[in-house]
């Protein structure tokens, strides 16, 4: 219904949905656009340490993603046929950044910077920000990430506006970024009209550790995932019964102290788990079945089992690499495959903002040599015009 309302009624439908779902009342949709001057003002007004953190994170993300820029190639084969492949950036991208239960400046950087590196010309950010003053760091992150438009909308109606366009909002070519279940479903339904990165589910972490792990560290790493959302999932797999017991008690103790205790408790008691295995081979089997979004390995010989892990969105190795570094400042993207989709997909990257185009050039001699095989295959498929288009050009 929401997608249809935006598709058919444009700005009028969007304004209705923004008032109903985002609780933002404006006279016209253009009032929802945040100017670049306001983004810069938000950045200038940040505390020094917040500025520094944003800039360091942005720099590290940019450097990592620059390594992902794909290379074009061109060559001439033994028949003098010219063959090549070129990459070109998509024209426009929309970034969805959640803003309901928390604010996520990190998601602004992770979504927008790869598109910037790829050379996407129009980069539109949407986020349901009801109070600009309380979200100044999100606006500042948008300034650092150099978004070209920032629109204060969220939910399925934001996805619809980016996909179909309205009088005030031009449609984009691709929509990326995680959101709640409604955002994920909206992205699924508009796919085909626009490209999407993935249909993201709740966030998840799988930690595998042995007796060398610090149980309090592990407990906090589990809770750092649980505090995202009531539907988030935190799982520990360990070969040590002592660690399993200590982590359980530590989690229960910490749940009484952390600020997002209610959300984290729901996540932990409804979806969390501690699994005791006899050996690492069992752990590896479970990892590849689960295909976790985030995988932490706190093991004596973690490096040795990496080659046996086939399915994981991102892997964090050792006691000093908690998943939280990946959320903010490590460099690789934190938009990752969830719900087991790491079996066939990857995290967001520069390549998601490119299209591949192949280039082919035959000369008369190369068509003479290969054309008869085209005719044979076209006739086998019953496609006479295909065969004739070759036959007319080659020496009889």
Protein backbone atom coordinates (compact mmCIF):
# COMPACT_ATOMS: atom_id res chain seq x y z
CA UNK A 1 0.00 0.00 0.00
CA UNK A 2 2.77 2.41 0.92
CA UNK A 3 4.75 1.75 -2.26
CA UNK A 4 1.59 2.18 -4.34
CA UNK A 5 0.71 5.44 -2.59
CA UNK A 6 4.10 6.97 -3.39
CA UNK A 7 4.13 5.60 -6.93
CA UNK A 8 0.67 6.97 -7.73
CA UNK A 9 0.46 10.13 -5.60
CA UNK A 10 4.10 11.25 -5.53
CA UNK A 11 4.80 14.17 -3.19
CA UNK A 12 1.26 14.16 -1.77
CA UNK A 13 1.50 10.50 -0.79
CA UNK A 14 5.03 10.95 0.52
CA UNK A 15 4.02 13.90 2.69
CA UNK A 16 1.19 11.84 4.16
CA UNK A 17 3.53 8.94 4.99
CA UNK A 18 6.22 11.23 6.46
CA UNK A 19 3.65 12.75 8.82
CA UNK A 20 2.21 9.35 9.76
CA UNK A 21 5.38 7.27 10.15
CA UNK A 22 8.27 9.72 10.63
CA UNK A 23 6.18 12.17 12.71
CA UNK A 24 7.59 15.07 10.68
CA UNK A 25 5.11 17.73 9.57
CA UNK A 26 6.11 19.95 6.62
CA UNK A 27 4.21 22.01 4.05
CA UNK A 28 6.15 20.66 1.07
CA UNK A 29 8.63 17.83 0.45
CA UNK A 30 11.45 20.25 -0.36
CA UNK A 31 11.36 21.26 3.34
CA UNK A 32 12.69 17.78 4.14
CA UNK A 33 15.95 18.42 2.28
CA UNK A 34 18.88 19.37 4.53
CA UNK A 35 21.17 21.85 2.82
CA UNK A 36 24.91 21.32 2.43
CA UNK A 37 25.43 24.48 4.48
CA UNK A 38 23.54 22.90 7.38
CA UNK A 39 25.59 19.70 7.05
CA UNK A 40 28.81 21.71 7.25
CA UNK A 41 27.47 23.72 10.17
CA UNK A 42 26.74 20.46 12.02
CA UNK A 43 30.30 19.30 11.32
CA UNK A 44 31.83 22.61 12.44
CA UNK A 45 29.83 22.43 15.68
CA UNK A 46 31.04 18.97 16.67
CA UNK A 47 33.29 18.38 19.64
CA UNK A 48 36.93 18.03 18.67
CA UNK A 49 37.11 14.31 19.53
CA UNK A 50 34.00 13.51 17.50
CA UNK A 51 35.43 15.35 14.50
CA UNK A 52 38.68 13.48 14.84
CA UNK A 53 36.95 10.09 15.11
CA UNK A 54 34.77 10.79 12.05
CA UNK A 55 37.73 11.90 9.95
CA UNK A 56 39.94 8.96 10.95
CA UNK A 57 37.11 6.50 10.24
CA UNK A 58 36.32 8.14 6.88
CA UNK A 59 39.98 8.12 5.86
CA UNK A 60 40.43 4.43 6.74
CA UNK A 61 37.20 3.44 4.96
CA UNK A 62 38.22 5.41 1.87
CA UNK A 63 41.72 3.88 1.74
CA UNK A 64 40.42 0.32 2.11
CA UNK A 65 37.77 0.80 -0.58
CA UNK A 66 40.20 2.38 -3.03
CA UNK A 67 41.95 -1.00 -3.11
CA UNK A 68 38.71 -2.49 -4.46
CA UNK A 69 38.55 -0.37 -7.64
CA UNK A 70 38.34 -2.93 -10.45
CA UNK A 71 40.68 -2.92 -13.42
CA UNK A 72 39.55 -2.75 -17.04
CA UNK A 73 41.19 -5.07 -19.55
CA UNK A 74 41.53 -5.37 -23.31
CA UNK A 75 43.32 -7.95 -25.45
CA UNK A 76 43.49 -9.40 -28.96
CA UNK A 77 43.17 -13.17 -29.30
CA UNK A 78 44.92 -15.48 -31.81
CA UNK A 79 42.26 -14.71 -34.47
CA UNK A 80 42.77 -10.94 -34.07
CA UNK A 81 39.41 -10.51 -32.28
CA UNK A 82 39.51 -7.53 -29.92
CA UNK A 83 37.92 -8.33 -26.54
CA UNK A 84 37.64 -6.16 -23.48
CA UNK A 85 35.82 -5.33 -20.28
CA UNK A 86 35.21 -1.85 -18.87
CA UNK A 87 33.77 -0.69 -15.56
CA UNK A 88 31.71 2.47 -15.24
CA UNK A 89 30.00 3.89 -12.14
CA UNK A 90 26.22 3.92 -11.91
CA UNK A 91 24.70 7.38 -12.27
CA UNK A 92 23.03 7.67 -8.88
CA UNK A 93 22.72 5.83 -5.58
CA UNK A 94 20.44 6.11 -2.57
CA UNK A 95 21.73 5.31 0.91
CA UNK A 96 19.30 4.22 3.62
CA UNK A 97 20.54 5.04 7.11
CA UNK A 98 18.33 3.93 10.04
CA UNK A 99 17.31 6.55 12.58
CA UNK A 100 14.52 5.05 14.66
CA UNK A 101 16.09 3.32 17.67
CA UNK A 102 19.52 4.94 17.42
CA UNK A 103 21.57 7.27 15.24
CA UNK A 104 24.23 5.79 12.97
CA UNK A 105 26.90 8.17 11.65
CA UNK A 106 29.00 5.07 10.95
CA UNK A 107 26.37 3.82 8.48
CA UNK A 108 26.52 7.15 6.66
CA UNK A 109 30.26 6.67 6.09
CA UNK A 110 30.01 2.97 5.21
CA UNK A 111 27.26 3.51 2.61
CA UNK A 112 28.32 6.77 1.01
CA UNK A 113 32.12 6.53 0.85
CA UNK A 114 32.31 3.44 -1.45
CA UNK A 115 29.98 5.23 -3.90
CA UNK A 116 32.16 8.34 -3.70
CA UNK A 117 35.27 6.25 -4.40
CA UNK A 118 33.51 4.55 -7.33
CA UNK A 119 32.70 7.92 -8.88
CA UNK A 120 28.90 7.86 -8.54
CA UNK A 121 27.79 11.38 -9.49
CA UNK A 122 24.55 11.69 -7.47
CA UNK A 123 24.62 10.32 -3.92
CA UNK A 124 21.36 10.65 -1.97
CA UNK A 125 21.05 9.88 1.72
CA UNK A 126 17.71 9.26 3.44
CA UNK A 127 17.24 8.93 7.20
CA UNK A 128 14.17 9.49 9.41
CA UNK A 129 15.63 12.30 11.53
CA UNK A 130 12.88 14.01 13.52
CA UNK A 131 15.21 16.18 15.61
CA UNK A 132 18.12 17.68 13.65
CA UNK A 133 19.88 18.94 16.80
CA UNK A 134 20.00 15.48 18.38
CA UNK A 135 21.35 14.01 15.14
CA UNK A 136 24.07 16.57 14.42
CA UNK A 137 26.77 13.88 14.20
CA UNK A 138 24.78 12.13 11.44
CA UNK A 139 24.62 15.39 9.50
CA UNK A 140 28.33 15.90 10.11
CA UNK A 141 29.07 12.39 8.80
CA UNK A 142 27.07 13.22 5.66
CA UNK A 143 29.28 16.28 5.19
CA UNK A 144 32.45 14.20 5.61
CA UNK A 145 31.13 11.53 3.19
CA UNK A 146 30.21 14.26 0.65
CA UNK A 147 26.61 13.21 -0.02
CA UNK A 148 24.96 15.35 -2.67
CA UNK A 149 21.46 15.26 -1.10
CA UNK A 150 20.19 14.54 2.43
CA UNK A 151 16.45 13.95 2.87
CA UNK A 152 14.76 13.49 6.27
CA UNK A 153 12.59 10.49 5.43
CA UNK A 154 12.67 6.83 6.40
CA UNK A 155 10.74 3.58 6.18
CA UNK A 156 9.16 1.96 3.14
CA UNK A 157 8.05 5.35 1.81
CA UNK A 158 11.68 6.53 1.61
CA UNK A 159 12.57 3.42 -0.41
CA UNK A 160 9.57 4.08 -2.70
CA UNK A 161 10.56 7.72 -3.23
CA UNK A 162 14.11 6.69 -4.18
CA UNK A 163 12.87 3.96 -6.51
CA UNK A 164 9.97 5.66 -8.28
CA UNK A 165 10.80 9.31 -7.78
CA UNK A 166 8.36 12.15 -7.10
CA UNK A 167 8.08 15.73 -8.32
CA UNK A 168 10.61 16.79 -5.64
CA UNK A 169 12.85 13.70 -5.53
CA UNK A 170 14.51 12.25 -8.63
CA UNK A 171 14.72 8.43 -8.67
CA UNK A 172 18.07 6.69 -8.19
CA UNK A 173 19.62 3.72 -9.96
CA UNK A 174 20.41 1.66 -6.85
CA UNK A 175 19.41 1.63 -3.16
CA UNK A 176 21.80 0.33 -0.50
CA UNK A 177 21.90 0.22 3.27
CA UNK A 178 20.17 -1.74 6.02
CA UNK A 179 16.87 -0.90 7.73
CA UNK A 180 14.09 -2.60 9.64
CA UNK A 181 11.80 -5.35 8.31
CA UNK A 182 9.61 -2.84 6.45
CA UNK A 183 12.59 -1.26 4.71
CA UNK A 184 13.93 -4.70 3.75
CA UNK A 185 10.57 -5.75 2.31
CA UNK A 186 10.21 -2.47 0.42
CA UNK A 187 13.66 -2.98 -1.12
CA UNK A 188 12.66 -6.50 -2.15
CA UNK A 189 9.52 -5.24 -3.86
CA UNK A 190 11.17 -2.36 -5.77
CA UNK A 191 14.05 -4.54 -6.99
CA UNK A 192 13.94 -4.58 -10.77
CA UNK A 193 12.85 -0.98 -10.94
CA UNK A 194 16.11 -0.18 -9.16
CA UNK A 195 19.09 -2.22 -8.05
CA UNK A 196 19.57 -3.11 -4.36
CA UNK A 197 22.55 -4.35 -2.38
CA UNK A 198 20.73 -7.03 -0.37
CA UNK A 199 17.68 -7.73 1.76
CA UNK A 200 19.22 -7.25 5.19
CA UNK A 201 17.94 -9.06 8.25
CA UNK A 202 18.76 -8.40 11.92
CA UNK A 203 22.45 -8.13 12.78
CA UNK A 204 24.32 -11.15 14.14
CA UNK A 205 27.64 -12.22 15.60
CA UNK A 206 29.15 -15.67 16.04
CA UNK A 207 32.12 -15.88 18.42
CA UNK A 208 34.31 -18.97 18.52
CA UNK A 209 36.76 -19.21 21.40
CA UNK A 210 38.84 -21.62 23.45
CA UNK A 211 40.11 -21.51 27.02
CA UNK A 212 42.50 -18.63 26.20
CA UNK A 213 39.62 -16.13 25.88
CA UNK A 214 38.72 -13.57 28.55
CA UNK A 215 35.09 -14.38 29.46
CA UNK A 216 34.23 -10.76 30.31
CA UNK A 217 35.54 -9.61 26.93
CA UNK A 218 33.49 -12.28 25.16
CA UNK A 219 30.37 -11.33 27.13
CA UNK A 220 30.71 -7.68 26.10
CA UNK A 221 31.30 -8.68 22.47
CA UNK A 222 28.07 -10.69 22.53
CA UNK A 223 26.17 -7.79 24.08
CA UNK A 224 27.59 -5.26 21.61
CA UNK A 225 25.59 -7.12 18.99
CA UNK A 226 22.55 -7.73 21.18
CA UNK A 227 22.13 -4.03 21.98
CA UNK A 228 21.48 -3.22 18.30
CA UNK A 229 18.01 -4.65 18.16
CA UNK A 230 15.62 -7.05 19.94
CA UNK A 231 15.91 -9.37 16.93
CA UNK A 232 19.73 -9.32 16.78
CA UNK A 233 21.49 -12.60 17.43
CA UNK A 234 24.62 -13.30 19.49
CA UNK A 235 26.04 -16.83 19.58
CA UNK A 236 29.09 -18.24 21.33
CA UNK A 237 30.70 -21.53 20.29
CA UNK A 238 33.44 -22.76 22.60
CA UNK A 239 35.50 -25.85 23.33
CA UNK A 240 35.75 -24.87 27.01
CA UNK A 241 32.95 -25.66 29.47
CA UNK A 242 34.55 -23.30 32.00
CA UNK A 243 34.49 -20.41 29.51
CA UNK A 244 30.89 -21.20 28.58
CA UNK A 245 29.80 -20.99 32.22
CA UNK A 246 31.79 -17.83 32.97
CA UNK A 247 30.51 -16.04 29.85
CA UNK A 248 26.91 -16.89 30.74
CA UNK A 249 27.27 -15.36 34.21
CA UNK A 250 29.14 -12.34 32.87
CA UNK A 251 26.43 -11.62 30.27
CA UNK A 252 23.70 -11.82 32.92
CA UNK A 253 25.64 -9.49 35.21
CA UNK A 254 26.37 -6.95 32.46
CA UNK A 255 22.76 -6.92 31.27
CA UNK A 256 21.84 -5.24 34.55
CA UNK A 257 24.29 -2.40 33.91
CA UNK A 258 24.27 -1.40 30.22
CA UNK A 259 22.11 1.49 29.05
CA UNK A 260 20.25 -0.48 26.35
CA UNK A 261 19.55 -3.32 28.76
CA UNK A 262 15.94 -3.87 27.67
CA UNK A 263 16.81 -4.29 23.99
CA UNK A 264 19.91 -6.39 24.71
CA UNK A 265 18.02 -8.64 27.16
CA UNK A 266 15.29 -9.37 24.60
CA UNK A 267 17.90 -10.21 22.00
CA UNK A 268 19.97 -12.41 24.32
CA UNK A 269 17.19 -14.39 25.94
CA UNK A 270 15.14 -14.84 22.73
CA UNK A 271 17.89 -15.44 20.16
CA UNK A 272 21.24 -15.81 21.96
CA UNK A 273 23.00 -19.13 22.48
CA UNK A 274 26.09 -20.72 23.98
CA UNK A 275 27.13 -23.92 22.23
CA UNK A 276 29.71 -26.29 23.68
CA UNK A 277 31.62 -28.36 21.10
CA UNK A 278 34.14 -31.16 21.51
CA UNK A 279 36.68 -29.76 19.05
CA UNK A 280 37.33 -27.02 16.48
CA UNK A 281 36.26 -29.24 13.59
CA UNK A 282 32.72 -29.18 14.97
CA UNK A 283 32.97 -25.41 15.35
CA UNK A 284 34.09 -24.99 11.73
CA UNK A 285 31.17 -27.14 10.54
CA UNK A 286 28.71 -24.95 12.48
CA UNK A 287 30.32 -21.74 11.17
CA UNK A 288 29.85 -22.82 7.57
CA UNK A 289 26.25 -23.88 8.20
CA UNK A 290 25.38 -20.63 9.98
CA UNK A 291 27.30 -18.38 7.52
CA UNK A 292 27.40 -15.54 10.08
CA UNK A 293 27.41 -11.85 9.26
CA UNK A 294 30.23 -11.26 11.79
CA UNK A 295 32.62 -14.00 12.92
CA UNK A 296 35.05 -13.50 15.81
CA UNK A 297 37.83 -16.02 16.39
CA UNK A 298 39.53 -15.90 19.80
CA UNK A 299 41.68 -18.99 19.55
CA UNK A 300 45.28 -20.05 20.06
CA UNK A 301 45.63 -20.96 16.38
CA UNK A 302 42.94 -18.86 14.74
CA UNK A 303 44.99 -18.20 11.60
CA UNK A 304 45.24 -21.93 10.88
CA UNK A 305 41.49 -22.44 10.50
CA UNK A 306 40.78 -19.41 8.29
CA UNK A 307 41.20 -21.42 5.07
CA UNK A 308 38.51 -23.87 6.27
CA UNK A 309 35.92 -21.12 6.77
CA UNK A 310 33.89 -20.87 3.57
CA UNK A 311 30.95 -18.74 4.70
CA UNK A 312 31.24 -15.50 6.69
CA UNK A 313 30.54 -11.85 5.97
CA UNK A 314 33.55 -10.55 7.92
CA UNK A 315 36.11 -12.30 10.13
CA UNK A 316 37.76 -10.70 13.19
CA UNK A 317 40.84 -12.48 14.46
CA UNK A 318 42.32 -12.51 17.95
CA UNK A 319 41.55 -11.11 21.40
CA UNK A 320 42.25 -7.52 20.34
CA UNK A 321 39.92 -7.45 17.35
CA UNK A 322 36.37 -7.16 18.70
CA UNK A 323 33.65 -6.86 16.07
CA UNK A 324 33.03 -3.28 17.25
CA UNK A 325 36.19 -2.10 15.43
CA UNK A 326 34.62 -3.30 12.21
CA UNK A 327 31.47 -1.32 12.89
CA UNK A 328 33.37 1.94 13.01
CA UNK A 329 37.00 2.30 12.11
CA UNK A 330 38.80 -0.80 10.79
CA UNK A 331 38.18 0.12 7.13
CA UNK A 332 36.18 -2.74 5.56
CA UNK A 333 32.45 -2.17 5.18
CA UNK A 334 30.01 -2.96 7.98
CA UNK A 335 27.06 -3.48 5.60
CA UNK A 336 27.29 -7.28 5.46
CA UNK A 337 25.21 -10.31 4.43
CA UNK A 338 22.83 -11.58 7.16
CA UNK A 339 20.53 -14.59 7.65
CA UNK A 340 22.98 -17.06 6.11
CA UNK A 341 23.28 -15.11 2.85
CA UNK A 342 27.07 -15.04 3.28
CA UNK A 343 26.87 -18.43 1.52
CA UNK A 344 26.32 -16.59 -1.75
CA UNK A 345 26.84 -12.86 -1.23
CA UNK A 346 29.34 -10.34 0.13
CA UNK A 347 29.50 -7.10 2.06
CA UNK A 348 28.93 -3.72 0.44
CA UNK A 349 31.89 -2.47 -1.56
CA UNK A 350 33.03 -0.28 -4.43
CA UNK A 351 32.11 -2.98 -6.96
CA UNK A 352 28.43 -2.57 -5.98
CA UNK A 353 28.47 0.88 -7.57
CA UNK A 354 29.95 -0.21 -10.91
CA UNK A 355 28.48 -1.74 -14.04
CA UNK A 356 30.54 -4.04 -16.29
CA UNK A 357 30.40 -3.61 -20.05
CA UNK A 358 32.04 -6.03 -22.48
CA UNK A 359 33.56 -4.87 -25.79
CA UNK A 360 33.92 -7.04 -28.91
CA UNK A 361 35.43 -6.23 -32.32
CA UNK A 362 35.81 -8.76 -35.16
CA UNK A 363 37.45 -8.14 -38.52
CA UNK A 364 36.48 -9.85 -41.79
CA UNK A 365 39.06 -12.60 -41.42
CA UNK A 366 38.11 -13.48 -37.82
CA UNK A 367 34.41 -13.58 -38.72
CA UNK A 368 35.24 -15.83 -41.68
CA UNK A 369 36.99 -18.24 -39.35
CA UNK A 370 34.41 -18.28 -36.54
CA UNK A 371 31.21 -17.47 -38.39
CA UNK A 372 30.46 -21.03 -39.53
CA UNK A 373 30.33 -22.12 -35.87
CA UNK A 374 27.85 -19.35 -35.09
CA UNK A 375 25.69 -20.56 -38.01
CA UNK A 376 25.83 -24.15 -36.72
CA UNK A 377 24.69 -23.12 -33.22
CA UNK A 378 22.03 -20.68 -34.44
CA UNK A 379 20.52 -23.33 -36.73
CA UNK A 380 20.52 -25.81 -33.84
CA UNK A 381 18.48 -23.31 -31.83
CA UNK A 382 16.13 -22.62 -34.74
CA UNK A 383 17.14 -18.95 -35.00
CA UNK A 384 17.35 -18.45 -38.75
CA UNK A 385 17.92 -14.67 -38.76
CA UNK A 386 20.91 -15.12 -36.45
CA UNK A 387 22.45 -17.59 -38.90
CA UNK A 388 21.69 -15.42 -41.93
CA UNK A 389 23.20 -12.30 -40.35
CA UNK A 390 26.51 -14.17 -40.26
CA UNK A 391 26.11 -15.97 -43.61
CA UNK A 392 25.62 -12.69 -45.50
CA UNK A 393 28.95 -11.37 -44.21
CA UNK A 394 31.34 -14.29 -44.65
CA UNK A 395 33.09 -15.67 -47.72
CA UNK A 396 31.07 -18.51 -49.23
